[in-house]
Structures are given as C-alpha cells and as structure tokens.
PDB file of N, CA and C in Angstrom:
ATOM      1  N   MET A   1      48.152 -16.947 -94.067  1.00  0.00           N
ATOM      2  CA  MET A   1      48.419 -17.865 -92.980  1.00  0.00           C
ATOM      3  C   MET A   1      48.125 -17.212 -91.633  1.00  0.00           C
ATOM      4  N   ASN A   2      48.445 -15.969 -91.499  1.00  0.00           N
ATOM      5  CA  ASN A   2      48.237 -15.255 -90.258  1.00  0.00           C
ATOM      6  C   ASN A   2      46.740 -15.141 -89.946  1.00  0.00           C
ATOM      7  N   THR A   3      45.899 -14.914 -90.972  1.00  0.00           N
ATOM      8  CA  THR A   3      44.454 -14.789 -90.782  1.00  0.00           C
ATOM      9  C   THR A   3      43.859 -16.110 -90.330  1.00  0.00           C
ATOM     10  N   ILE A   4      44.328 -17.193 -90.907  1.00  0.00           N
ATOM     11  CA  ILE A   4      43.806 -18.507 -90.548  1.00  0.00           C
ATOM     12  C   ILE A   4      44.168 -18.849 -89.105  1.00  0.00           C
ATOM     13  N   SER A   5      45.376 -18.557 -88.694  1.00  0.00           N
ATOM     14  CA  SER A   5      45.755 -18.860 -87.312  1.00  0.00           C
ATOM     15  C   SER A   5      45.003 -17.956 -86.334  1.00  0.00           C
ATOM     16  N   MET A   6      44.708 -16.708 -86.746  1.00  0.00           N
ATOM     17  CA  MET A   6      43.917 -15.812 -85.899  1.00  0.00           C
ATOM     18  C   MET A   6      42.504 -16.352 -85.727  1.00  0.00           C
ATOM     19  N   LEU A   7      41.896 -16.824 -86.814  1.00  0.00           N
ATOM     20  CA  LEU A   7      40.547 -17.387 -86.748  1.00  0.00           C
ATOM     21  C   LEU A   7      40.530 -18.664 -85.921  1.00  0.00           C
ATOM     22  N   ALA A   8      41.557 -19.473 -86.073  1.00  0.00           N
ATOM     23  CA  ALA A   8      41.637 -20.711 -85.293  1.00  0.00           C
ATOM     24  C   ALA A   8      41.783 -20.393 -83.809  1.00  0.00           C
ATOM     25  N   ARG A   9      42.621 -19.407 -83.499  1.00  0.00           N
ATOM     26  CA  ARG A   9      42.809 -19.010 -82.107  1.00  0.00           C
ATOM     27  C   ARG A   9      41.502 -18.438 -81.523  1.00  0.00           C
ATOM     28  N   ALA A  10      40.796 -17.616 -82.304  1.00  0.00           N
ATOM     29  CA  ALA A  10      39.525 -17.038 -81.847  1.00  0.00           C
ATOM     30  C   ALA A  10      38.480 -18.132 -81.652  1.00  0.00           C
ATOM     31  N   GLY A  11      38.452 -19.092 -82.561  1.00  0.00           N
ATOM     32  CA  GLY A  11      37.512 -20.208 -82.428  1.00  0.00           C
ATOM     33  C   GLY A  11      37.813 -21.062 -81.213  1.00  0.00           C
ATOM     34  N   LEU A  12      39.092 -21.291 -80.967  1.00  0.00           N
ATOM     35  CA  LEU A  12      39.499 -22.076 -79.802  1.00  0.00           C
ATOM     36  C   LEU A  12      39.138 -21.352 -78.504  1.00  0.00           C
ATOM     37  N   CYS A  13      39.379 -20.054 -78.465  1.00  0.00           N
ATOM     38  CA  CYS A  13      39.032 -19.275 -77.263  1.00  0.00           C
ATOM     39  C   CYS A  13      37.521 -19.234 -77.056  1.00  0.00           C
ATOM     40  N   SER A  14      36.768 -19.085 -78.141  1.00  0.00           N
ATOM     41  CA  SER A  14      35.300 -19.073 -78.030  1.00  0.00           C
ATOM     42  C   SER A  14      34.783 -20.417 -77.539  1.00  0.00           C
ATOM     43  N   GLY A  15      35.322 -21.495 -78.088  1.00  0.00           N
ATOM     44  CA  GLY A  15      34.908 -22.827 -77.651  1.00  0.00           C
ATOM     45  C   GLY A  15      35.246 -23.077 -76.198  1.00  0.00           C
ATOM     46  N   LEU A  16      36.424 -22.636 -75.786  1.00  0.00           N
ATOM     47  CA  LEU A  16      36.830 -22.791 -74.390  1.00  0.00           C
ATOM     48  C   LEU A  16      35.927 -21.968 -73.462  1.00  0.00           C
ATOM     49  N   ALA A  17      35.576 -20.754 -73.887  1.00  0.00           N
ATOM     50  CA  ALA A  17      34.693 -19.906 -73.070  1.00  0.00           C
ATOM     51  C   ALA A  17      33.305 -20.533 -72.935  1.00  0.00           C
ATOM     52  N   ILE A  18      32.800 -21.094 -74.018  1.00  0.00           N
ATOM     53  CA  ILE A  18      31.481 -21.744 -73.977  1.00  0.00           C
ATOM     54  C   ILE A  18      31.527 -22.978 -73.085  1.00  0.00           C
ATOM     55  N   ALA A  19      32.604 -23.747 -73.195  1.00  0.00           N
ATOM     56  CA  ALA A  19      32.730 -24.952 -72.367  1.00  0.00           C
ATOM     57  C   ALA A  19      32.826 -24.597 -70.890  1.00  0.00           C
ATOM     58  N   LEU A  20      33.577 -23.568 -70.568  1.00  0.00           N
ATOM     59  CA  LEU A  20      33.695 -23.158 -69.169  1.00  0.00           C
ATOM     60  C   LEU A  20      32.388 -22.558 -68.649  1.00  0.00           C
ATOM     61  N   ALA A  21      31.659 -21.864 -69.504  1.00  0.00           N
ATOM     62  CA  ALA A  21      30.369 -21.303 -69.087  1.00  0.00           C
ATOM     63  C   ALA A  21      29.372 -22.418 -68.787  1.00  0.00           C
ATOM     64  N   GLY A  22      29.490 -23.533 -69.490  1.00  0.00           N
ATOM     65  CA  GLY A  22      28.610 -24.670 -69.231  1.00  0.00           C
ATOM     66  C   GLY A  22      28.898 -25.327 -67.893  1.00  0.00           C
ATOM     67  N   CYS A  23      30.132 -25.234 -67.436  1.00  0.00           N
ATOM     68  CA  CYS A  23      30.493 -25.821 -66.151  1.00  0.00           C
ATOM     69  C   CYS A  23      30.177 -24.902 -64.980  1.00  0.00           C
ATOM     70  N   MET A  24      29.944 -23.626 -65.261  1.00  0.00           N
ATOM     71  CA  MET A  24      29.685 -22.669 -64.190  1.00  0.00           C
ATOM     72  C   MET A  24      28.357 -22.998 -63.513  1.00  0.00           C
ATOM     73  N   THR A  25      28.330 -22.931 -62.234  1.00  0.00           N
ATOM     74  CA  THR A  25      27.107 -23.234 -61.503  1.00  0.00           C
ATOM     75  C   THR A  25      26.578 -21.976 -60.824  1.00  0.00           C
ATOM     76  N   SER A  26      25.344 -21.645 -61.114  1.00  0.00           N
ATOM     77  CA  SER A  26      24.698 -20.502 -60.464  1.00  0.00           C
ATOM     78  C   SER A  26      23.367 -20.940 -59.861  1.00  0.00           C
ATOM     79  N   THR A  27      23.172 -22.242 -59.741  1.00  0.00           N
ATOM     80  CA  THR A  27      21.889 -22.723 -59.234  1.00  0.00           C
ATOM     81  C   THR A  27      21.606 -22.352 -57.788  1.00  0.00           C
ATOM     82  N   PRO A  28      22.575 -22.212 -56.894  1.00  0.00           N
ATOM     83  CA  PRO A  28      22.193 -21.807 -55.533  1.00  0.00           C
ATOM     84  C   PRO A  28      21.474 -20.464 -55.507  1.00  0.00           C
ATOM     85  N   VAL A  29      21.884 -19.556 -56.387  1.00  0.00           N
ATOM     86  CA  VAL A  29      21.225 -18.254 -56.445  1.00  0.00           C
ATOM     87  C   VAL A  29      19.797 -18.422 -56.944  1.00  0.00           C
ATOM     88  N   TYR A  30      19.621 -19.231 -57.990  1.00  0.00           N
ATOM     89  CA  TYR A  30      18.287 -19.433 -58.550  1.00  0.00           C
ATOM     90  C   TYR A  30      17.423 -20.294 -57.635  1.00  0.00           C
ATOM     91  N   ASP A  31      18.022 -21.304 -57.015  1.00  0.00           N
ATOM     92  CA  ASP A  31      17.259 -22.197 -56.141  1.00  0.00           C
ATOM     93  C   ASP A  31      16.717 -21.475 -54.918  1.00  0.00           C
ATOM     94  N   LYS A  32      17.430 -20.461 -54.463  1.00  0.00           N
ATOM     95  CA  LYS A  32      16.991 -19.730 -53.282  1.00  0.00           C
ATOM     96  C   LYS A  32      15.660 -19.013 -53.545  1.00  0.00           C
ATOM     97  N   HIS A  33      15.442 -18.579 -54.792  1.00  0.00           N
ATOM     98  CA  HIS A  33      14.231 -17.831 -55.137  1.00  0.00           C
ATOM     99  C   HIS A  33      13.236 -18.661 -55.946  1.00  0.00           C
ATOM    100  N   PHE A  34      13.493 -19.956 -56.086  1.00  0.00           N
ATOM    101  CA  PHE A  34      12.617 -20.800 -56.898  1.00  0.00           C
ATOM    102  C   PHE A  34      11.225 -20.903 -56.273  1.00  0.00           C
ATOM    103  N   GLY A  35      10.186 -20.616 -57.051  1.00  0.00           N
ATOM    104  CA  GLY A  35       8.809 -20.718 -56.593  1.00  0.00           C
ATOM    105  C   GLY A  35       8.312 -19.478 -55.871  1.00  0.00           C
ATOM    106  N   GLU A  36       9.150 -18.468 -55.771  1.00  0.00           N
ATOM    107  CA  GLU A  36       8.772 -17.253 -55.055  1.00  0.00           C
ATOM    108  C   GLU A  36       7.609 -16.540 -55.737  1.00  0.00           C
ATOM    109  N   ALA A  37       7.625 -16.480 -57.061  1.00  0.00           N
ATOM    110  CA  ALA A  37       6.554 -15.803 -57.795  1.00  0.00           C
ATOM    111  C   ALA A  37       5.227 -16.528 -57.614  1.00  0.00           C
ATOM    112  N   VAL A  38       5.260 -17.852 -57.631  1.00  0.00           N
ATOM    113  CA  VAL A  38       4.026 -18.629 -57.458  1.00  0.00           C
ATOM    114  C   VAL A  38       3.455 -18.421 -56.067  1.00  0.00           C
ATOM    115  N   ARG A  39       4.307 -18.461 -55.063  1.00  0.00           N
ATOM    116  CA  ARG A  39       3.829 -18.236 -53.689  1.00  0.00           C
ATOM    117  C   ARG A  39       3.272 -16.833 -53.512  1.00  0.00           C
ATOM    118  N   THR A  40       3.893 -15.847 -54.138  1.00  0.00           N
ATOM    119  CA  THR A  40       3.412 -14.468 -54.028  1.00  0.00           C
ATOM    120  C   THR A  40       2.049 -14.316 -54.670  1.00  0.00           C
ATOM    121  N   VAL A  41       1.883 -14.854 -55.874  1.00  0.00           N
ATOM    122  CA  VAL A  41       0.598 -14.748 -56.564  1.00  0.00           C
ATOM    123  C   VAL A  41      -0.477 -15.521 -55.820  1.00  0.00           C
ATOM    124  N   GLN A  42      -0.152 -16.670 -55.287  1.00  0.00           N
ATOM    125  CA  GLN A  42      -1.123 -17.457 -54.528  1.00  0.00           C
ATOM    126  C   GLN A  42      -1.557 -16.704 -53.273  1.00  0.00           C
ATOM    127  N   ALA A  43      -0.633 -16.055 -52.603  1.00  0.00           N
ATOM    128  CA  ALA A  43      -0.983 -15.272 -51.414  1.00  0.00           C
ATOM    129  C   ALA A  43      -1.838 -14.070 -51.786  1.00  0.00           C
ATOM    130  N   MET A  44      -1.584 -13.487 -52.954  1.00  0.00           N
ATOM    131  CA  MET A  44      -2.378 -12.342 -53.393  1.00  0.00           C
ATOM    132  C   MET A  44      -3.802 -12.753 -53.747  1.00  0.00           C
ATOM    133  N   GLN A  45      -4.002 -13.997 -54.169  1.00  0.00           N
ATOM    134  CA  GLN A  45      -5.324 -14.469 -54.558  1.00  0.00           C
ATOM    135  C   GLN A  45      -6.126 -14.995 -53.380  1.00  0.00           C
ATOM    136  N   THR A  46      -5.521 -15.143 -52.228  1.00  0.00           N
ATOM    137  CA  THR A  46      -6.223 -15.651 -51.058  1.00  0.00           C
ATOM    138  C   THR A  46      -6.951 -14.504 -50.387  1.00  0.00           C
ATOM    139  N   LEU A  47      -8.270 -14.595 -50.326  1.00  0.00           N
ATOM    140  CA  LEU A  47      -9.080 -13.532 -49.743  1.00  0.00           C
ATOM    141  C   LEU A  47      -8.986 -13.546 -48.228  1.00  0.00           C
ATOM    142  N   ASN A  48      -9.187 -14.723 -47.643  1.00  0.00           N
ATOM    143  CA  ASN A  48      -9.157 -14.845 -46.191  1.00  0.00           C
ATOM    144  C   ASN A  48      -8.311 -16.065 -45.834  1.00  0.00           C
ATOM    145  N   PRO A  49      -7.085 -15.868 -45.389  1.00  0.00           N
ATOM    146  CA  PRO A  49      -6.227 -17.009 -45.081  1.00  0.00           C
ATOM    147  C   PRO A  49      -6.742 -17.860 -43.923  1.00  0.00           C
ATOM    148  N   ASP A  50      -7.557 -17.287 -43.039  1.00  0.00           N
ATOM    149  CA  ASP A  50      -8.073 -18.018 -41.880  1.00  0.00           C
ATOM    150  C   ASP A  50      -9.481 -18.551 -42.113  1.00  0.00           C
ATOM    151  N   ALA A  51      -9.893 -18.716 -43.353  1.00  0.00           N
ATOM    152  CA  ALA A  51     -11.260 -19.148 -43.651  1.00  0.00           C
ATOM    153  C   ALA A  51     -11.536 -20.559 -43.139  1.00  0.00           C
ATOM    154  N   ALA A  52     -10.559 -21.415 -43.086  1.00  0.00           N
ATOM    155  CA  ALA A  52     -10.776 -22.791 -42.631  1.00  0.00           C
ATOM    156  C   ALA A  52     -11.104 -22.848 -41.145  1.00  0.00           C
ATOM    157  N   LYS A  53     -10.721 -21.845 -40.397  1.00  0.00           N
ATOM    158  CA  LYS A  53     -10.985 -21.829 -38.957  1.00  0.00           C
ATOM    159  C   LYS A  53     -12.410 -21.379 -38.624  1.00  0.00           C
ATOM    160  N   ASN A  54     -13.127 -20.820 -39.596  1.00  0.00           N
ATOM    161  CA  ASN A  54     -14.481 -20.324 -39.367  1.00  0.00           C
ATOM    162  C   ASN A  54     -15.460 -21.497 -39.369  1.00  0.00           C
ATOM    163  N   THR A  55     -16.173 -21.699 -38.256  1.00  0.00           N
ATOM    164  CA  THR A  55     -17.119 -22.819 -38.154  1.00  0.00           C
ATOM    165  C   THR A  55     -18.567 -22.364 -38.244  1.00  0.00           C
ATOM    166  N   ASP A  56     -18.814 -21.087 -38.542  1.00  0.00           N
ATOM    167  CA  ASP A  56     -20.185 -20.595 -38.684  1.00  0.00           C
ATOM    168  C   ASP A  56     -20.838 -21.231 -39.907  1.00  0.00           C
ATOM    169  N   THR A  57     -22.165 -21.349 -39.857  1.00  0.00           N
ATOM    170  CA  THR A  57     -22.879 -21.887 -41.010  1.00  0.00           C
ATOM    171  C   THR A  57     -22.849 -20.871 -42.137  1.00  0.00           C
ATOM    172  N   VAL A  58     -22.940 -21.370 -43.332  1.00  0.00           N
ATOM    173  CA  VAL A  58     -22.883 -20.511 -44.504  1.00  0.00           C
ATOM    174  C   VAL A  58     -24.231 -19.838 -44.690  1.00  0.00           C
ATOM    175  N   ALA A  59     -24.233 -18.533 -44.799  1.00  0.00           N
ATOM    176  CA  ALA A  59     -25.469 -17.791 -45.041  1.00  0.00           C
ATOM    177  C   ALA A  59     -25.643 -17.647 -46.547  1.00  0.00           C
ATOM    178  N   GLY A  60     -26.851 -17.888 -47.009  1.00  0.00           N
ATOM    179  CA  GLY A  60     -27.092 -17.757 -48.439  1.00  0.00           C
ATOM    180  C   GLY A  60     -28.364 -18.463 -48.827  1.00  0.00           C
ATOM    181  N   VAL A  61     -28.358 -19.059 -49.977  1.00  0.00           N
ATOM    182  CA  VAL A  61     -29.529 -19.718 -50.538  1.00  0.00           C
ATOM    183  C   VAL A  61     -29.671 -21.106 -49.926  1.00  0.00           C
ATOM    184  N   ASP A  62     -30.910 -21.495 -49.637  1.00  0.00           N
ATOM    185  CA  ASP A  62     -31.127 -22.841 -49.108  1.00  0.00           C
ATOM    186  C   ASP A  62     -30.976 -23.863 -50.226  1.00  0.00           C
ATOM    187  N   GLY A  63     -30.919 -25.117 -49.861  1.00  0.00           N
ATOM    188  CA  GLY A  63     -30.649 -26.183 -50.820  1.00  0.00           C
ATOM    189  C   GLY A  63     -31.686 -26.320 -51.914  1.00  0.00           C
ATOM    190  N   ARG A  64     -32.971 -26.220 -51.564  1.00  0.00           N
ATOM    191  CA  ARG A  64     -34.022 -26.381 -52.572  1.00  0.00           C
ATOM    192  C   ARG A  64     -33.971 -25.265 -53.604  1.00  0.00           C
ATOM    193  N   ALA A  65     -33.808 -24.035 -53.157  1.00  0.00           N
ATOM    194  CA  ALA A  65     -33.753 -22.911 -54.093  1.00  0.00           C
ATOM    195  C   ALA A  65     -32.516 -23.001 -54.982  1.00  0.00           C
ATOM    196  N   ALA A  66     -31.400 -23.420 -54.411  1.00  0.00           N
ATOM    197  CA  ALA A  66     -30.177 -23.553 -55.201  1.00  0.00           C
ATOM    198  C   ALA A  66     -30.315 -24.658 -56.237  1.00  0.00           C
ATOM    199  N   THR A  67     -30.942 -25.776 -55.851  1.00  0.00           N
ATOM    200  CA  THR A  67     -31.147 -26.873 -56.801  1.00  0.00           C
ATOM    201  C   THR A  67     -32.062 -26.439 -57.930  1.00  0.00           C
ATOM    202  N   ALA A  68     -33.134 -25.728 -57.602  1.00  0.00           N
ATOM    203  CA  ALA A  68     -34.057 -25.250 -58.640  1.00  0.00           C
ATOM    204  C   ALA A  68     -33.360 -24.270 -59.576  1.00  0.00           C
ATOM    205  N   ALA A  69     -32.542 -23.395 -59.026  1.00  0.00           N
ATOM    206  CA  ALA A  69     -31.823 -22.433 -59.865  1.00  0.00           C
ATOM    207  C   ALA A  69     -30.835 -23.143 -60.785  1.00  0.00           C
ATOM    208  N   MET A  70     -30.137 -24.136 -60.267  1.00  0.00           N
ATOM    209  CA  MET A  70     -29.184 -24.869 -61.100  1.00  0.00           C
ATOM    210  C   MET A  70     -29.890 -25.688 -62.173  1.00  0.00           C
ATOM    211  N   ASP A  71     -31.054 -26.267 -61.838  1.00  0.00           N
ATOM    212  CA  ASP A  71     -31.824 -27.006 -62.842  1.00  0.00           C
ATOM    213  C   ASP A  71     -32.297 -26.072 -63.949  1.00  0.00           C
ATOM    214  N   ARG A  72     -32.756 -24.890 -63.555  1.00  0.00           N
ATOM    215  CA  ARG A  72     -33.204 -23.917 -64.549  1.00  0.00           C
ATOM    216  C   ARG A  72     -32.032 -23.481 -65.425  1.00  0.00           C
ATOM    217  N   TYR A  73     -30.899 -23.274 -64.804  1.00  0.00           N
ATOM    218  CA  TYR A  73     -29.709 -22.834 -65.534  1.00  0.00           C
ATOM    219  C   TYR A  73     -29.243 -23.908 -66.517  1.00  0.00           C
ATOM    220  N   SER A  74     -29.146 -25.151 -66.055  1.00  0.00           N
ATOM    221  CA  SER A  74     -28.675 -26.212 -66.950  1.00  0.00           C
ATOM    222  C   SER A  74     -29.720 -26.567 -67.993  1.00  0.00           C
ATOM    223  N   GLY A  75     -31.001 -26.313 -67.708  1.00  0.00           N
ATOM    224  CA  GLY A  75     -32.052 -26.557 -68.696  1.00  0.00           C
ATOM    225  C   GLY A  75     -31.937 -25.640 -69.896  1.00  0.00           C
ATOM    226  N   GLN A  76     -31.337 -24.479 -69.705  1.00  0.00           N
ATOM    227  CA  GLN A  76     -31.146 -23.564 -70.827  1.00  0.00           C
ATOM    228  C   GLN A  76     -30.212 -24.163 -71.864  1.00  0.00           C
ATOM    229  N   PHE A  77     -29.314 -25.021 -71.433  1.00  0.00           N
ATOM    230  CA  PHE A  77     -28.372 -25.613 -72.375  1.00  0.00           C
ATOM    231  C   PHE A  77     -28.921 -26.904 -72.974  1.00  0.00           C
ATOM    232  N   ARG A  78     -29.830 -27.562 -72.269  1.00  0.00           N
ATOM    233  CA  ARG A  78     -30.457 -28.762 -72.823  1.00  0.00           C
ATOM    234  C   ARG A  78     -31.476 -28.391 -73.889  1.00  0.00           C
ATOM    235  N   ASN A  79     -32.232 -27.334 -73.656  1.00  0.00           N
ATOM    236  CA  ASN A  79     -33.256 -26.869 -74.599  1.00  0.00           C
ATOM    237  C   ASN A  79     -32.960 -25.415 -74.964  1.00  0.00           C
ATOM    238  N   PRO A  80     -31.983 -25.184 -75.835  1.00  0.00           N
ATOM    239  CA  PRO A  80     -31.636 -23.799 -76.162  1.00  0.00           C
ATOM    240  C   PRO A  80     -32.728 -23.141 -77.003  1.00  0.00           C
ATOM    241  N   GLN A  81     -32.774 -21.815 -76.930  1.00  0.00           N
ATOM    242  CA  GLN A  81     -33.736 -21.074 -77.730  1.00  0.00           C
ATOM    243  C   GLN A  81     -33.323 -21.150 -79.188  1.00  0.00           C
ATOM    244  N   ALA A  82     -34.317 -21.072 -80.058  1.00  0.00           N
ATOM    245  CA  ALA A  82     -34.034 -21.129 -81.488  1.00  0.00           C
ATOM    246  C   ALA A  82     -33.277 -19.868 -81.898  1.00  0.00           C
ATOM    247  N   ASP A  83     -32.283 -20.045 -82.728  1.00  0.00           N
ATOM    248  CA  ASP A  83     -31.509 -18.902 -83.198  1.00  0.00           C
ATOM    249  C   ASP A  83     -32.322 -18.114 -84.212  1.00  0.00           C
ATOM    250  N   THR A  84     -32.210 -16.815 -84.117  1.00  0.00           N
ATOM    251  CA  THR A  84     -32.879 -15.969 -85.100  1.00  0.00           C
ATOM    252  C   THR A  84     -31.913 -15.709 -86.237  1.00  0.00           C
ATOM    253  N   SER A  85     -32.451 -15.360 -87.354  1.00  0.00           N
ATOM    254  CA  SER A  85     -31.623 -15.081 -88.509  1.00  0.00           C
ATOM    255  C   SER A  85     -30.818 -13.809 -88.254  1.00  0.00           C
ATOM    256  N   ALA A  86     -29.621 -13.760 -88.757  1.00  0.00           N
ATOM    257  CA  ALA A  86     -28.769 -12.591 -88.550  1.00  0.00           C
ATOM    258  C   ALA A  86     -29.337 -11.362 -89.239  1.00  0.00           C
ATOM    259  N   PHE A  87     -30.177 -11.573 -90.246  1.00  0.00           N
ATOM    260  CA  PHE A  87     -30.726 -10.445 -90.986  1.00  0.00           C
ATOM    261  C   PHE A  87     -31.919  -9.813 -90.285  1.00  0.00           C
ATOM    262  N   THR A  88     -32.496 -10.499 -89.291  1.00  0.00           N
ATOM    263  CA  THR A  88     -33.667  -9.951 -88.616  1.00  0.00           C
ATOM    264  C   THR A  88     -33.354  -9.410 -87.230  1.00  0.00           C
ATOM    265  N   VAL A  89     -32.088  -9.391 -86.853  1.00  0.00           N
ATOM    266  CA  VAL A  89     -31.728  -8.880 -85.538  1.00  0.00           C
ATOM    267  C   VAL A  89     -31.966  -7.372 -85.527  1.00  0.00           C
ATOM    268  N   GLY A  90     -32.742  -6.916 -84.557  1.00  0.00           N
ATOM    269  CA  GLY A  90     -33.018  -5.491 -84.429  1.00  0.00           C
ATOM    270  C   GLY A  90     -34.157  -5.013 -85.302  1.00  0.00           C
ATOM    271  N   VAL A  91     -34.704  -5.886 -86.120  1.00  0.00           N
ATOM    272  CA  VAL A  91     -35.822  -5.502 -86.980  1.00  0.00           C
ATOM    273  C   VAL A  91     -37.059  -6.194 -86.449  1.00  0.00           C
ATOM    274  N   GLY A  92     -38.047  -5.434 -86.076  1.00  0.00           N
ATOM    275  CA  GLY A  92     -39.266  -6.020 -85.529  1.00  0.00           C
ATOM    276  C   GLY A  92     -40.469  -5.673 -86.384  1.00  0.00           C
ATOM    277  N   THR A  93     -41.617  -6.172 -85.953  1.00  0.00           N
ATOM    278  CA  THR A  93     -42.856  -5.898 -86.683  1.00  0.00           C
ATOM    279  C   THR A  93     -43.550  -4.667 -86.147  1.00  0.00           C
ATOM    280  N   GLY A  94     -43.056  -4.123 -85.057  1.00  0.00           N
ATOM    281  CA  GLY A  94     -43.692  -2.955 -84.472  1.00  0.00           C
ATOM    282  C   GLY A  94     -44.696  -3.316 -83.405  1.00  0.00           C
ATOM    283  N   ASN A  95     -44.911  -4.626 -83.152  1.00  0.00           N
ATOM    284  CA  ASN A  95     -45.882  -5.041 -82.148  1.00  0.00           C
ATOM    285  C   ASN A  95     -45.460  -4.620 -80.746  1.00  0.00           C
ATOM    286  N   SER A  96     -44.187  -4.628 -80.477  1.00  0.00           N
ATOM    287  CA  SER A  96     -43.738  -4.272 -79.134  1.00  0.00           C
ATOM    288  C   SER A  96     -43.996  -2.796 -78.853  1.00  0.00           C
ATOM    289  N   LEU A  97     -43.905  -1.959 -79.874  1.00  0.00           N
ATOM    290  CA  LEU A  97     -44.196  -0.541 -79.680  1.00  0.00           C
ATOM    291  C   LEU A  97     -45.684  -0.327 -79.437  1.00  0.00           C
ATOM    292  N   ASP A  98     -46.530  -1.101 -80.138  1.00  0.00           N
ATOM    293  CA  ASP A  98     -47.974  -0.993 -79.934  1.00  0.00           C
ATOM    294  C   ASP A  98     -48.345  -1.440 -78.532  1.00  0.00           C
ATOM    295  N   ALA A  99     -47.673  -2.473 -78.022  1.00  0.00           N
ATOM    296  CA  ALA A  99     -47.984  -2.981 -76.688  1.00  0.00           C
ATOM    297  C   ALA A  99     -47.581  -1.971 -75.620  1.00  0.00           C
ATOM    298  N   GLN A 100     -46.524  -1.213 -75.854  1.00  0.00           N
ATOM    299  CA  GLN A 100     -46.094  -0.222 -74.875  1.00  0.00           C
ATOM    300  C   GLN A 100     -47.028   0.974 -74.853  1.00  0.00           C
ATOM    301  N   ALA A 101     -47.637   1.298 -75.992  1.00  0.00           N
ATOM    302  CA  ALA A 101     -48.520   2.465 -76.074  1.00  0.00           C
ATOM    303  C   ALA A 101     -49.827   2.223 -75.340  1.00  0.00           C
ATOM    304  N   ARG A 102     -50.231   0.974 -75.163  1.00  0.00           N
ATOM    305  CA  ARG A 102     -51.518   0.679 -74.528  1.00  0.00           C
ATOM    306  C   ARG A 102     -51.531   0.944 -73.092  1.00  0.00           C
TER     307      ARG A 102
END
C-alpha cells in the first residue's frame, strides 16, 4: 500500500509540474531575439549595401554579345552531344597522337 501511494504521489507531482511548465511564459525572451539569425546571415551575404544608390552604367558585355552567348549556351541543351559508351571513355584510336606529332 505504501508503494502505491508513493507512486500516486510521484505521478501527481509530475503531472502538476508538467501542467505548470505549460503555463510558464518565456516568449518575451525569445521574441526579443526572433529573426536575429536571419538578419545576420542576410547582412553577411550583402556585398554592397549601398548598391541601389549607384547610378553609373553597368560595365560589361553589350546586349548583342550577351544574347549570342545565351543562345549558344541554351542551344547546348536543345541539341546535346551524343553520349559515348562508358567502355570507350579514355580509349582512343591514336589519331590524336598522330595529329600532335605532325
């Protein structure tokens, strides 16, 4: 009988502790730092925070050259090269060595 009442008392105390822990509020502490990690990482990833204020023209490739490069790049995916057999990778006929010797 004594063991059963001890277990009941321990269970009651555990249940009461869990119930009171559920009512405890610690959100002001967490809310104060909420989003801090995201803001820190975002600031670390920003190269130039004042980039929007720069009104100089962008130096680089002109439009025609950029369009041609992008067309060439995307054409590689429209017409991919034929895959070679896995057994012939690194094995040649020796023609490339003959061409280098000339």
